[in-house]
Amino acid sequence: RLRAGDFDEVTKDVLTTATSIYRCLIVTQLPFPESLIIETKLARRAWREALGVAGISVQLTPSLVKMMTRRTSHVCGELKTKMRGLTASFYGFRASRSIGAVRANRTLAEGLKEGASFVLRYDWEMKSGVYKSDLIQSGINDMWFANCVDEGIVYAEYFDPLPVEMMALVLTVVKCCIDEWITGVREDIKFASIAYSPVYAVHLESLRRFEERTAAYKLLGRI
């Protein structure tokens, strides 16, 4: 299996930058690429932009493309790992197997999933404050803006303004994290494309409608 160390130093440097850019393109444009062809197009774009940053010319090979496209699931998995703890603490899920805790966790998960109430702010039972949940911002901050070397800081041009695609991805990951509690005891659920790309599509369409209907007030940009 190829590793970054198999390439010369110049190529490795370009690959490192291109991989970061590729990750940015995935989360801000197309978290669930439908084919290898689409992934390859994103990888080629990331490579071109990395070459522009470096000011040099290095040929992109199929092996280098493969190194980048491996990161498609990795970046979503990283987001899922960060959101798991945030989601549990934000909503108050309890890591206990007592009858009371299991029942409360199950009721909480069912309530949050009903009508996608988790897209609302913390007082979700009031069914108000759409897309104003602090959990969304916390997840975005932890994943992309926690440190000066994070991708949201280094590659700010991909995140300003925050794309609706990325917000839809975060909401989809939150849904997966809530699903893990649906029995009352957290069980690992893989963030698989076949299960969650349809969920992402629904959130993306809802966000786009919201953005269109509130365009005059620029509400989405304030979230």
N, C-alpha and C. Protein backbone atom coordinates (compact mmCIF):
# COMPACT_ATOMS: atom_id res chain seq x y z
N ARG A 1 0.85 -1.20 0.00
CA ARG A 1 0.00 0.00 0.00
C ARG A 1 0.88 1.25 0.00
N LEU A 2 0.58 2.17 -0.89
CA LEU A 2 1.37 3.39 -0.99
C LEU A 2 1.22 4.27 0.24
N ARG A 3 2.32 4.92 0.60
CA ARG A 3 2.33 5.89 1.68
C ARG A 3 2.98 7.18 1.18
N ALA A 4 2.73 8.26 1.90
CA ALA A 4 3.30 9.55 1.49
C ALA A 4 4.82 9.47 1.42
N GLY A 5 5.41 8.65 2.28
CA GLY A 5 6.86 8.52 2.32
C GLY A 5 7.45 7.88 1.09
N ASP A 6 6.62 7.30 0.23
CA ASP A 6 7.10 6.65 -0.98
C ASP A 6 7.45 7.66 -2.08
N PHE A 7 7.12 8.94 -1.86
CA PHE A 7 7.36 9.96 -2.88
C PHE A 7 8.53 10.85 -2.47
N ASP A 8 9.06 11.58 -3.46
CA ASP A 8 10.17 12.50 -3.16
C ASP A 8 9.65 13.68 -2.34
N GLU A 9 10.57 14.45 -1.78
CA GLU A 9 10.20 15.50 -0.82
C GLU A 9 9.28 16.56 -1.44
N VAL A 10 9.57 16.97 -2.67
CA VAL A 10 8.75 17.99 -3.32
C VAL A 10 7.32 17.48 -3.52
N THR A 11 7.22 16.25 -4.01
CA THR A 11 5.90 15.65 -4.24
C THR A 11 5.16 15.48 -2.92
N LYS A 12 5.87 15.08 -1.87
CA LYS A 12 5.23 14.91 -0.56
C LYS A 12 4.66 16.23 -0.06
N ASP A 13 5.40 17.31 -0.24
CA ASP A 13 4.92 18.61 0.21
C ASP A 13 3.65 19.02 -0.53
N VAL A 14 3.66 18.81 -1.86
CA VAL A 14 2.47 19.14 -2.66
C VAL A 14 1.30 18.24 -2.25
N LEU A 15 1.59 16.97 -2.04
CA LEU A 15 0.54 16.02 -1.64
C LEU A 15 -0.10 16.41 -0.31
N THR A 16 0.72 16.86 0.62
CA THR A 16 0.19 17.28 1.93
C THR A 16 -0.79 18.44 1.76
N THR A 17 -0.39 19.44 0.98
CA THR A 17 -1.26 20.58 0.74
C THR A 17 -2.50 20.17 -0.04
N ALA A 18 -2.31 19.37 -1.08
CA ALA A 18 -3.43 18.94 -1.91
C ALA A 18 -4.44 18.11 -1.12
N THR A 19 -3.94 17.28 -0.22
CA THR A 19 -4.84 16.45 0.59
C THR A 19 -5.69 17.32 1.52
N SER A 20 -5.08 18.34 2.10
CA SER A 20 -5.83 19.26 2.96
C SER A 20 -6.89 20.00 2.15
N ILE A 21 -6.51 20.45 0.96
CA ILE A 21 -7.47 21.14 0.09
C ILE A 21 -8.58 20.19 -0.32
N TYR A 22 -8.23 18.96 -0.63
CA TYR A 22 -9.23 17.95 -1.01
C TYR A 22 -10.23 17.75 0.13
N ARG A 23 -9.74 17.65 1.35
CA ARG A 23 -10.61 17.51 2.52
C ARG A 23 -11.56 18.71 2.62
N CYS A 24 -11.03 19.89 2.37
CA CYS A 24 -11.86 21.09 2.41
C CYS A 24 -12.95 21.04 1.34
N LEU A 25 -12.60 20.60 0.15
CA LEU A 25 -13.56 20.51 -0.94
C LEU A 25 -14.65 19.48 -0.63
N ILE A 26 -14.26 18.39 -0.01
CA ILE A 26 -15.24 17.36 0.34
C ILE A 26 -16.28 17.91 1.30
N VAL A 27 -15.84 18.52 2.38
CA VAL A 27 -16.79 18.94 3.41
C VAL A 27 -17.57 20.19 3.03
N THR A 28 -17.02 21.01 2.13
CA THR A 28 -17.71 22.25 1.78
C THR A 28 -18.49 22.16 0.47
N GLN A 29 -18.29 21.08 -0.28
CA GLN A 29 -18.97 20.98 -1.57
C GLN A 29 -19.69 19.66 -1.80
N LEU A 30 -19.05 18.54 -1.46
CA LEU A 30 -19.63 17.25 -1.83
C LEU A 30 -19.21 16.16 -0.84
N PRO A 31 -19.81 16.12 0.34
CA PRO A 31 -19.43 15.14 1.35
C PRO A 31 -19.65 13.69 0.94
N PHE A 32 -20.60 13.48 0.03
CA PHE A 32 -20.90 12.11 -0.40
C PHE A 32 -20.75 11.99 -1.92
N PRO A 33 -19.53 11.96 -2.44
CA PRO A 33 -19.33 11.81 -3.88
C PRO A 33 -19.99 10.54 -4.38
N GLU A 34 -20.68 10.64 -5.50
CA GLU A 34 -21.45 9.51 -5.99
C GLU A 34 -20.63 8.51 -6.79
N SER A 35 -19.42 8.88 -7.17
CA SER A 35 -18.60 7.97 -7.96
C SER A 35 -17.13 8.33 -7.82
N LEU A 36 -16.29 7.39 -8.22
CA LEU A 36 -14.85 7.61 -8.21
C LEU A 36 -14.47 8.72 -9.19
N ILE A 37 -15.25 8.86 -10.26
CA ILE A 37 -14.98 9.91 -11.25
C ILE A 37 -15.10 11.28 -10.59
N ILE A 38 -16.13 11.46 -9.78
CA ILE A 38 -16.33 12.75 -9.10
C ILE A 38 -15.22 12.99 -8.08
N GLU A 39 -14.87 11.95 -7.33
CA GLU A 39 -13.76 12.08 -6.37
C GLU A 39 -12.47 12.47 -7.09
N THR A 40 -12.24 11.86 -8.24
CA THR A 40 -11.04 12.15 -9.02
C THR A 40 -11.02 13.60 -9.50
N LYS A 41 -12.17 14.12 -9.92
CA LYS A 41 -12.25 15.52 -10.34
C LYS A 41 -11.90 16.45 -9.19
N LEU A 42 -12.41 16.15 -8.01
CA LEU A 42 -12.08 16.96 -6.83
C LEU A 42 -10.59 16.86 -6.52
N ALA A 43 -10.03 15.66 -6.64
CA ALA A 43 -8.60 15.47 -6.37
C ALA A 43 -7.75 16.25 -7.37
N ARG A 44 -8.17 16.25 -8.62
CA ARG A 44 -7.42 17.01 -9.64
C ARG A 44 -7.48 18.51 -9.36
N ARG A 45 -8.64 18.97 -8.95
CA ARG A 45 -8.76 20.40 -8.61
C ARG A 45 -7.86 20.72 -7.41
N ALA A 46 -7.89 19.87 -6.39
CA ALA A 46 -7.06 20.10 -5.20
C ALA A 46 -5.58 20.13 -5.58
N TRP A 47 -5.18 19.25 -6.47
CA TRP A 47 -3.78 19.19 -6.90
C TRP A 47 -3.38 20.47 -7.63
N ARG A 48 -4.26 20.93 -8.53
CA ARG A 48 -3.97 22.18 -9.26
C ARG A 48 -3.81 23.35 -8.30
N GLU A 49 -4.70 23.42 -7.32
CA GLU A 49 -4.64 24.53 -6.38
C GLU A 49 -3.42 24.43 -5.47
N ALA A 50 -3.02 23.20 -5.14
CA ALA A 50 -1.82 23.01 -4.33
C ALA A 50 -0.58 23.43 -5.11
N LEU A 51 -0.54 23.11 -6.40
CA LEU A 51 0.57 23.54 -7.24
C LEU A 51 0.63 25.06 -7.33
N GLY A 52 -0.54 25.70 -7.38
CA GLY A 52 -0.59 27.16 -7.40
C GLY A 52 -0.02 27.76 -6.14
N VAL A 53 -0.30 27.13 -5.01
CA VAL A 53 0.24 27.59 -3.73
C VAL A 53 1.76 27.46 -3.71
N ALA A 54 2.24 26.31 -4.22
CA ALA A 54 3.68 26.04 -4.19
C ALA A 54 4.44 26.76 -5.30
N GLY A 55 3.72 27.11 -6.35
CA GLY A 55 4.37 27.78 -7.47
C GLY A 55 5.28 26.88 -8.27
N ILE A 56 4.94 25.59 -8.32
CA ILE A 56 5.76 24.64 -9.06
C ILE A 56 4.86 23.76 -9.92
N SER A 57 5.47 22.84 -10.65
CA SER A 57 4.73 21.90 -11.49
C SER A 57 5.17 20.48 -11.18
N VAL A 58 4.22 19.66 -10.74
CA VAL A 58 4.48 18.25 -10.45
C VAL A 58 3.34 17.44 -11.05
N GLN A 59 3.67 16.41 -11.79
CA GLN A 59 2.64 15.61 -12.45
C GLN A 59 1.79 14.85 -11.44
N LEU A 60 0.49 14.88 -11.69
CA LEU A 60 -0.44 14.13 -10.85
C LEU A 60 -0.59 12.73 -11.42
N THR A 61 -0.30 11.72 -10.63
CA THR A 61 -0.39 10.33 -11.07
C THR A 61 -1.60 9.66 -10.43
N PRO A 62 -2.04 8.53 -10.97
CA PRO A 62 -3.15 7.79 -10.36
C PRO A 62 -2.88 7.43 -8.90
N SER A 63 -1.64 7.14 -8.58
CA SER A 63 -1.30 6.80 -7.19
C SER A 63 -1.52 7.98 -6.26
N LEU A 64 -1.18 9.17 -6.72
CA LEU A 64 -1.39 10.37 -5.90
C LEU A 64 -2.88 10.66 -5.74
N VAL A 65 -3.64 10.46 -6.82
CA VAL A 65 -5.10 10.63 -6.73
C VAL A 65 -5.66 9.69 -5.67
N LYS A 66 -5.21 8.44 -5.69
CA LYS A 66 -5.70 7.45 -4.73
C LYS A 66 -5.36 7.86 -3.30
N MET A 67 -4.18 8.42 -3.11
CA MET A 67 -3.78 8.88 -1.77
C MET A 67 -4.75 9.92 -1.25
N MET A 68 -5.21 10.80 -2.14
CA MET A 68 -6.14 11.85 -1.71
C MET A 68 -7.55 11.32 -1.50
N THR A 69 -8.04 10.51 -2.42
CA THR A 69 -9.43 10.05 -2.33
C THR A 69 -9.68 9.12 -1.15
N ARG A 70 -8.61 8.57 -0.59
CA ARG A 70 -8.76 7.78 0.64
C ARG A 70 -9.33 8.64 1.77
N ARG A 71 -9.13 9.94 1.67
CA ARG A 71 -9.51 10.84 2.75
C ARG A 71 -10.99 11.19 2.77
N THR A 72 -11.73 10.75 1.76
CA THR A 72 -13.16 11.09 1.70
C THR A 72 -13.88 10.62 2.95
N SER A 73 -13.72 9.36 3.30
CA SER A 73 -14.39 8.84 4.49
C SER A 73 -13.67 9.25 5.77
N HIS A 74 -12.36 9.48 5.69
CA HIS A 74 -11.59 9.84 6.88
C HIS A 74 -12.09 11.15 7.49
N VAL A 75 -12.28 12.16 6.65
CA VAL A 75 -12.65 13.47 7.18
C VAL A 75 -14.05 13.42 7.80
N CYS A 76 -14.96 12.68 7.20
CA CYS A 76 -16.31 12.54 7.78
C CYS A 76 -16.25 11.76 9.08
N GLY A 77 -15.35 10.76 9.13
CA GLY A 77 -15.18 9.99 10.36
C GLY A 77 -14.62 10.84 11.49
N GLU A 78 -13.70 11.73 11.16
CA GLU A 78 -13.16 12.64 12.17
C GLU A 78 -14.25 13.54 12.73
N LEU A 79 -15.09 14.05 11.84
CA LEU A 79 -16.18 14.91 12.29
C LEU A 79 -17.14 14.13 13.18
N LYS A 80 -17.43 12.90 12.81
CA LYS A 80 -18.33 12.06 13.61
C LYS A 80 -17.75 11.85 15.01
N THR A 81 -16.45 11.58 15.09
CA THR A 81 -15.81 11.36 16.38
C THR A 81 -15.92 12.60 17.27
N LYS A 82 -15.70 13.77 16.71
CA LYS A 82 -15.79 15.00 17.48
C LYS A 82 -17.23 15.29 17.90
N MET A 83 -18.17 15.04 17.00
CA MET A 83 -19.57 15.37 17.28
C MET A 83 -20.20 14.41 18.27
N ARG A 84 -19.68 13.21 18.38
CA ARG A 84 -20.29 12.21 19.28
C ARG A 84 -20.34 12.72 20.72
N GLY A 85 -19.18 13.17 21.22
CA GLY A 85 -19.14 13.67 22.59
C GLY A 85 -19.89 14.97 22.75
N LEU A 86 -19.77 15.86 21.77
CA LEU A 86 -20.48 17.13 21.83
C LEU A 86 -21.99 16.94 21.87
N THR A 87 -22.48 16.02 21.04
CA THR A 87 -23.91 15.77 20.97
C THR A 87 -24.43 15.19 22.28
N ALA A 88 -23.70 14.24 22.84
CA ALA A 88 -24.12 13.61 24.09
C ALA A 88 -24.20 14.62 25.23
N SER A 89 -23.17 15.45 25.36
CA SER A 89 -23.16 16.43 26.46
C SER A 89 -24.15 17.56 26.22
N PHE A 90 -24.32 17.96 24.97
CA PHE A 90 -25.22 19.07 24.66
C PHE A 90 -26.66 18.73 25.00
N TYR A 91 -27.08 17.54 24.65
CA TYR A 91 -28.47 17.15 24.88
C TYR A 91 -28.69 16.44 26.21
N GLY A 92 -27.62 15.97 26.82
CA GLY A 92 -27.76 15.35 28.13
C GLY A 92 -27.97 13.84 28.11
N PHE A 93 -27.47 13.17 27.08
CA PHE A 93 -27.53 11.71 27.09
C PHE A 93 -26.60 11.19 28.19
N ARG A 94 -27.04 10.13 28.85
CA ARG A 94 -26.30 9.61 30.01
C ARG A 94 -25.73 8.23 29.72
N ALA A 95 -24.43 8.08 29.99
CA ALA A 95 -23.75 6.80 29.77
C ALA A 95 -23.99 5.88 30.96
N SER A 96 -25.22 5.46 31.13
CA SER A 96 -25.61 4.60 32.25
C SER A 96 -26.57 3.54 31.73
N ARG A 97 -26.50 2.36 32.34
CA ARG A 97 -27.40 1.29 31.94
C ARG A 97 -28.54 1.10 32.93
N SER A 98 -28.72 2.08 33.81
CA SER A 98 -29.85 2.00 34.74
C SER A 98 -31.15 2.12 33.96
N ILE A 99 -32.20 1.55 34.47
CA ILE A 99 -33.49 1.57 33.78
C ILE A 99 -33.94 2.99 33.50
N GLY A 100 -33.77 3.87 34.47
CA GLY A 100 -34.19 5.25 34.32
C GLY A 100 -33.41 5.98 33.24
N ALA A 101 -32.09 5.76 33.24
CA ALA A 101 -31.25 6.44 32.26
C ALA A 101 -31.53 5.94 30.85
N VAL A 102 -31.70 4.64 30.71
CA VAL A 102 -31.98 4.06 29.40
C VAL A 102 -33.30 4.60 28.85
N ARG A 103 -34.30 4.64 29.73
CA ARG A 103 -35.60 5.16 29.30
C ARG A 103 -35.51 6.63 28.92
N ALA A 104 -34.79 7.42 29.71
CA ALA A 104 -34.64 8.85 29.43
C ALA A 104 -33.87 9.08 28.13
N ASN A 105 -32.81 8.30 27.93
CA ASN A 105 -32.04 8.43 26.69
C ASN A 105 -32.88 8.10 25.47
N ARG A 106 -33.66 7.05 25.58
CA ARG A 106 -34.50 6.63 24.45
C ARG A 106 -35.55 7.69 24.13
N THR A 107 -36.17 8.21 25.17
CA THR A 107 -37.19 9.25 24.99
C THR A 107 -36.58 10.51 24.39
N LEU A 108 -35.39 10.86 24.86
CA LEU A 108 -34.70 12.04 24.35
C LEU A 108 -34.35 11.88 22.88
N ALA A 109 -33.80 10.73 22.52
CA ALA A 109 -33.43 10.48 21.13
C ALA A 109 -34.65 10.51 20.22
N GLU A 110 -35.73 9.89 20.65
CA GLU A 110 -36.95 9.88 19.85
C GLU A 110 -37.51 11.29 19.67
N GLY A 111 -37.45 12.09 20.73
CA GLY A 111 -37.96 13.46 20.66
C GLY A 111 -37.13 14.34 19.74
N LEU A 112 -35.81 14.15 19.78
CA LEU A 112 -34.93 14.95 18.93
C LEU A 112 -35.10 14.59 17.45
N LYS A 113 -35.36 13.32 17.20
CA LYS A 113 -35.51 12.88 15.80
C LYS A 113 -36.88 13.26 15.23
N GLU A 114 -37.88 13.40 16.09
CA GLU A 114 -39.22 13.73 15.62
C GLU A 114 -39.22 15.09 14.94
N GLY A 115 -39.56 15.10 13.68
CA GLY A 115 -39.59 16.35 12.94
C GLY A 115 -38.24 17.02 12.86
N ALA A 116 -37.17 16.22 13.02
CA ALA A 116 -35.80 16.77 12.99
C ALA A 116 -35.65 17.93 13.97
N SER A 117 -36.16 17.75 15.18
CA SER A 117 -36.12 18.82 16.17
C SER A 117 -34.71 19.23 16.55
N PHE A 118 -33.74 18.36 16.30
CA PHE A 118 -32.37 18.69 16.68
C PHE A 118 -31.78 19.83 15.86
N VAL A 119 -32.44 20.25 14.78
CA VAL A 119 -31.93 21.40 14.02
C VAL A 119 -32.30 22.71 14.70
N LEU A 120 -33.11 22.63 15.75
CA LEU A 120 -33.53 23.83 16.45
C LEU A 120 -32.55 24.16 17.57
N ARG A 121 -32.71 25.33 18.15
CA ARG A 121 -31.82 25.72 19.25
C ARG A 121 -32.10 24.84 20.46
N TYR A 122 -31.37 25.04 21.55
CA TYR A 122 -31.40 24.09 22.67
C TYR A 122 -32.81 23.85 23.21
N ASP A 123 -33.65 24.89 23.28
CA ASP A 123 -35.00 24.67 23.78
C ASP A 123 -35.84 24.08 22.64
N TRP A 124 -35.37 22.93 22.15
CA TRP A 124 -35.98 22.31 20.98
C TRP A 124 -37.43 21.91 21.21
N GLU A 125 -37.81 21.72 22.47
CA GLU A 125 -39.20 21.35 22.76
C GLU A 125 -40.16 22.48 22.37
N MET A 126 -39.64 23.72 22.29
CA MET A 126 -40.49 24.85 21.90
C MET A 126 -40.63 24.93 20.38
N LYS A 127 -39.87 24.09 19.67
CA LYS A 127 -39.94 24.04 18.20
C LYS A 127 -39.70 25.42 17.58
N SER A 128 -38.66 26.10 18.03
CA SER A 128 -38.34 27.42 17.48
C SER A 128 -36.83 27.56 17.35
N GLY A 129 -36.41 28.63 16.66
CA GLY A 129 -34.99 28.89 16.50
C GLY A 129 -34.32 27.96 15.51
N VAL A 130 -34.92 27.80 14.33
CA VAL A 130 -34.39 26.86 13.35
C VAL A 130 -32.95 27.21 12.98
N TYR A 131 -32.09 26.18 12.98
CA TYR A 131 -30.67 26.27 12.64
C TYR A 131 -29.88 27.16 13.61
N LYS A 132 -30.43 27.43 14.79
CA LYS A 132 -29.71 28.27 15.75
C LYS A 132 -29.11 27.46 16.90
N SER A 133 -29.13 26.15 16.78
CA SER A 133 -28.56 25.31 17.83
C SER A 133 -27.07 25.61 17.99
N ASP A 134 -26.64 25.85 19.23
CA ASP A 134 -25.22 26.08 19.50
C ASP A 134 -24.37 24.87 19.16
N LEU A 135 -25.01 23.71 19.09
CA LEU A 135 -24.27 22.48 18.77
C LEU A 135 -23.66 22.56 17.38
N ILE A 136 -24.38 23.17 16.44
CA ILE A 136 -23.86 23.30 15.08
C ILE A 136 -22.56 24.10 15.08
N GLN A 137 -22.58 25.25 15.75
CA GLN A 137 -21.39 26.10 15.79
C GLN A 137 -20.26 25.44 16.56
N SER A 138 -20.59 24.74 17.65
CA SER A 138 -19.56 24.06 18.43
C SER A 138 -18.85 23.00 17.60
N GLY A 139 -19.63 22.25 16.83
CA GLY A 139 -19.04 21.22 15.98
C GLY A 139 -18.14 21.82 14.92
N ILE A 140 -18.59 22.89 14.28
CA ILE A 140 -17.80 23.56 13.26
C ILE A 140 -16.51 24.12 13.86
N ASN A 141 -16.62 24.75 15.02
CA ASN A 141 -15.44 25.32 15.67
C ASN A 141 -14.43 24.25 16.04
N ASP A 142 -14.89 23.15 16.64
CA ASP A 142 -13.99 22.09 17.09
C ASP A 142 -13.30 21.39 15.92
N MET A 143 -14.01 21.24 14.83
CA MET A 143 -13.48 20.49 13.69
C MET A 143 -12.54 21.33 12.84
N TRP A 144 -12.89 22.60 12.63
CA TRP A 144 -12.16 23.38 11.62
C TRP A 144 -11.50 24.67 12.13
N PHE A 145 -11.83 25.10 13.36
CA PHE A 145 -11.34 26.41 13.79
C PHE A 145 -10.76 26.40 15.21
N ALA A 146 -10.41 25.25 15.73
CA ALA A 146 -9.95 25.18 17.12
C ALA A 146 -8.52 25.70 17.28
N ASN A 147 -7.67 25.49 16.26
CA ASN A 147 -6.26 25.88 16.34
C ASN A 147 -5.84 26.61 15.08
N CYS A 148 -4.74 27.34 15.17
CA CYS A 148 -4.27 28.15 14.04
C CYS A 148 -3.85 27.30 12.85
N VAL A 149 -3.60 26.01 13.08
CA VAL A 149 -3.20 25.13 11.98
C VAL A 149 -4.38 24.34 11.41
N ASP A 150 -5.58 24.55 11.94
CA ASP A 150 -6.75 23.83 11.44
C ASP A 150 -7.13 24.32 10.05
N GLU A 151 -7.78 23.45 9.30
CA GLU A 151 -8.06 23.74 7.89
C GLU A 151 -8.95 24.96 7.70
N GLY A 152 -9.84 25.22 8.63
CA GLY A 152 -10.71 26.38 8.51
C GLY A 152 -9.95 27.70 8.61
N ILE A 153 -8.81 27.66 9.28
CA ILE A 153 -7.96 28.85 9.42
C ILE A 153 -6.98 28.94 8.25
N VAL A 154 -6.29 27.84 7.98
CA VAL A 154 -5.26 27.83 6.94
C VAL A 154 -5.87 28.01 5.55
N TYR A 155 -7.03 27.39 5.34
CA TYR A 155 -7.69 27.47 4.04
C TYR A 155 -9.04 28.17 4.17
N ALA A 156 -8.98 29.36 4.73
CA ALA A 156 -10.19 30.12 5.06
C ALA A 156 -11.08 30.40 3.86
N GLU A 157 -10.47 30.46 2.67
CA GLU A 157 -11.25 30.81 1.47
C GLU A 157 -12.35 29.80 1.17
N TYR A 158 -12.20 28.57 1.66
CA TYR A 158 -13.22 27.55 1.42
C TYR A 158 -14.37 27.62 2.43
N PHE A 159 -14.17 28.37 3.49
CA PHE A 159 -15.13 28.39 4.60
C PHE A 159 -15.79 29.74 4.81
N ASP A 160 -15.49 30.70 3.99
CA ASP A 160 -16.02 32.06 4.16
C ASP A 160 -16.72 32.52 2.89
N PRO A 161 -18.08 32.61 2.95
CA PRO A 161 -18.95 32.27 4.08
C PRO A 161 -19.07 30.76 4.24
N LEU A 162 -19.59 30.34 5.41
CA LEU A 162 -19.76 28.91 5.64
C LEU A 162 -20.74 28.34 4.63
N PRO A 163 -20.35 27.34 3.87
CA PRO A 163 -21.24 26.78 2.86
C PRO A 163 -22.40 26.00 3.48
N VAL A 164 -23.55 26.06 2.83
CA VAL A 164 -24.70 25.30 3.32
C VAL A 164 -24.40 23.81 3.28
N GLU A 165 -23.54 23.39 2.35
CA GLU A 165 -23.16 21.97 2.26
C GLU A 165 -22.49 21.49 3.54
N MET A 166 -21.66 22.34 4.13
CA MET A 166 -20.99 21.96 5.36
C MET A 166 -21.96 21.93 6.53
N MET A 167 -22.86 22.89 6.59
CA MET A 167 -23.87 22.88 7.64
C MET A 167 -24.75 21.64 7.53
N ALA A 168 -25.10 21.27 6.30
CA ALA A 168 -25.90 20.06 6.10
C ALA A 168 -25.15 18.83 6.55
N LEU A 169 -23.84 18.80 6.30
CA LEU A 169 -23.02 17.67 6.74
C LEU A 169 -23.00 17.58 8.26
N VAL A 170 -22.81 18.69 8.94
CA VAL A 170 -22.79 18.68 10.40
C VAL A 170 -24.13 18.19 10.95
N LEU A 171 -25.23 18.65 10.39
CA LEU A 171 -26.55 18.21 10.83
C LEU A 171 -26.74 16.72 10.60
N THR A 172 -26.21 16.23 9.50
CA THR A 172 -26.32 14.80 9.20
C THR A 172 -25.52 13.97 10.20
N VAL A 173 -24.36 14.47 10.58
CA VAL A 173 -23.54 13.78 11.57
C VAL A 173 -24.23 13.80 12.93
N VAL A 174 -24.85 14.91 13.28
CA VAL A 174 -25.60 14.99 14.54
C VAL A 174 -26.72 13.95 14.54
N LYS A 175 -27.40 13.82 13.42
CA LYS A 175 -28.46 12.81 13.30
C LYS A 175 -27.89 11.42 13.56
N CYS A 176 -26.73 11.11 13.01
CA CYS A 176 -26.10 9.82 13.23
C CYS A 176 -25.76 9.62 14.71
N CYS A 177 -25.26 10.67 15.35
CA CYS A 177 -24.91 10.59 16.78
C CYS A 177 -26.15 10.35 17.64
N ILE A 178 -27.25 10.96 17.27
CA ILE A 178 -28.51 10.74 18.00
C ILE A 178 -29.02 9.32 17.76
N ASP A 179 -28.89 8.85 16.53
CA ASP A 179 -29.30 7.48 16.20
C ASP A 179 -28.60 6.47 17.10
N GLU A 180 -27.37 6.77 17.49
CA GLU A 180 -26.62 5.83 18.33
C GLU A 180 -27.26 5.64 19.71
N TRP A 181 -28.12 6.58 20.10
CA TRP A 181 -28.76 6.51 21.41
C TRP A 181 -30.21 6.01 21.36
N ILE A 182 -30.68 5.61 20.20
CA ILE A 182 -32.10 5.34 20.03
C ILE A 182 -32.59 4.16 20.88
N THR A 183 -31.69 3.25 21.27
CA THR A 183 -32.10 2.13 22.13
C THR A 183 -32.02 2.50 23.60
N GLY A 184 -31.44 3.67 23.89
CA GLY A 184 -31.26 4.08 25.28
C GLY A 184 -29.84 3.89 25.77
N VAL A 185 -29.09 3.05 25.08
CA VAL A 185 -27.67 2.82 25.37
C VAL A 185 -26.91 3.06 24.07
N ARG A 186 -25.87 3.88 24.14
CA ARG A 186 -25.18 4.22 22.90
C ARG A 186 -24.53 3.01 22.25
N GLU A 187 -24.82 2.87 20.96
CA GLU A 187 -24.23 1.81 20.15
C GLU A 187 -23.60 2.44 18.92
N ASP A 188 -22.39 2.01 18.57
CA ASP A 188 -21.70 2.58 17.42
C ASP A 188 -22.49 2.35 16.13
N ILE A 189 -22.65 3.41 15.37
CA ILE A 189 -23.29 3.33 14.06
C ILE A 189 -22.34 3.96 13.06
N LYS A 190 -22.00 3.22 12.04
CA LYS A 190 -21.08 3.72 11.01
C LYS A 190 -21.73 4.83 10.21
N PHE A 191 -20.97 5.88 9.98
CA PHE A 191 -21.47 7.01 9.18
C PHE A 191 -21.32 6.64 7.71
N ALA A 192 -22.16 5.73 7.26
CA ALA A 192 -22.04 5.18 5.91
C ALA A 192 -22.84 6.00 4.91
N SER A 193 -22.30 6.13 3.72
CA SER A 193 -22.94 6.90 2.67
C SER A 193 -24.32 6.35 2.33
N ILE A 194 -24.44 5.04 2.26
CA ILE A 194 -25.72 4.44 1.86
C ILE A 194 -26.84 4.79 2.83
N ALA A 195 -26.50 4.98 4.09
CA ALA A 195 -27.51 5.31 5.10
C ALA A 195 -27.72 6.80 5.27
N TYR A 196 -26.64 7.58 5.15
CA TYR A 196 -26.74 8.99 5.52
C TYR A 196 -26.65 10.00 4.38
N SER A 197 -26.31 9.55 3.18
CA SER A 197 -26.36 10.51 2.06
C SER A 197 -27.78 10.98 1.78
N PRO A 198 -28.82 10.13 1.92
CA PRO A 198 -30.20 10.64 1.76
C PRO A 198 -30.57 11.65 2.84
N VAL A 199 -30.07 11.45 4.05
CA VAL A 199 -30.33 12.38 5.15
C VAL A 199 -29.66 13.72 4.83
N TYR A 200 -28.44 13.65 4.35
CA TYR A 200 -27.71 14.86 3.95
C TYR A 200 -28.47 15.61 2.87
N ALA A 201 -29.00 14.91 1.90
CA ALA A 201 -29.73 15.55 0.80
C ALA A 201 -30.95 16.31 1.30
N VAL A 202 -31.63 15.75 2.28
CA VAL A 202 -32.81 16.41 2.85
C VAL A 202 -32.40 17.69 3.57
N HIS A 203 -31.35 17.61 4.38
CA HIS A 203 -30.89 18.79 5.11
C HIS A 203 -30.39 19.86 4.14
N LEU A 204 -29.68 19.44 3.11
CA LEU A 204 -29.16 20.40 2.14
C LEU A 204 -30.29 21.13 1.43
N GLU A 205 -31.31 20.40 1.03
CA GLU A 205 -32.45 21.03 0.36
C GLU A 205 -33.18 21.99 1.29
N SER A 206 -33.33 21.60 2.56
CA SER A 206 -34.01 22.46 3.54
C SER A 206 -33.21 23.74 3.78
N LEU A 207 -31.90 23.60 3.89
CA LEU A 207 -31.05 24.77 4.09
C LEU A 207 -31.09 25.71 2.88
N ARG A 208 -31.10 25.13 1.71
CA ARG A 208 -31.17 25.97 0.50
C ARG A 208 -32.50 26.71 0.41
N ARG A 209 -33.59 26.05 0.78
CA ARG A 209 -34.89 26.72 0.79
C ARG A 209 -34.92 27.83 1.82
N PHE A 210 -34.36 27.53 3.00
CA PHE A 210 -34.30 28.53 4.06
C PHE A 210 -33.49 29.74 3.62
N GLU A 211 -32.36 29.47 2.99
CA GLU A 211 -31.49 30.54 2.50
C GLU A 211 -32.20 31.38 1.45
N GLU A 212 -32.92 30.73 0.56
CA GLU A 212 -33.63 31.44 -0.50
C GLU A 212 -34.75 32.31 0.05
N ARG A 213 -35.50 31.77 1.00
CA ARG A 213 -36.66 32.48 1.53
C ARG A 213 -36.28 33.60 2.49
N THR A 214 -35.07 33.54 3.03
CA THR A 214 -34.63 34.58 3.98
C THR A 214 -33.48 35.40 3.41
N ALA A 215 -33.29 35.33 2.09
CA ALA A 215 -32.16 35.98 1.44
C ALA A 215 -32.08 37.47 1.76
N ALA A 216 -33.24 38.13 1.82
CA ALA A 216 -33.26 39.58 2.06
C ALA A 216 -32.72 39.94 3.45
N TYR A 217 -32.80 38.97 4.38
CA TYR A 217 -32.37 39.23 5.74
C TYR A 217 -31.00 38.62 6.06
N LYS A 218 -30.51 37.80 5.12
CA LYS A 218 -29.21 37.14 5.26
C LYS A 218 -29.09 36.39 6.59
N LEU A 219 -30.18 35.70 6.94
CA LEU A 219 -30.22 35.02 8.23
C LEU A 219 -29.23 33.86 8.32
N LEU A 220 -29.08 33.12 7.23
CA LEU A 220 -28.20 31.96 7.29
C LEU A 220 -26.76 32.38 7.55
N GLY A 221 -26.38 33.52 7.00
CA GLY A 221 -25.03 34.01 7.20
C GLY A 221 -24.74 34.42 8.64
N ARG A 222 -25.79 34.63 9.42
CA ARG A 222 -25.61 35.04 10.82
C ARG A 222 -25.55 33.86 11.77
N ILE A 223 -25.85 32.68 11.25
CA ILE A 223 -25.91 31.50 12.11
C ILE A 223 -24.50 31.01 12.45
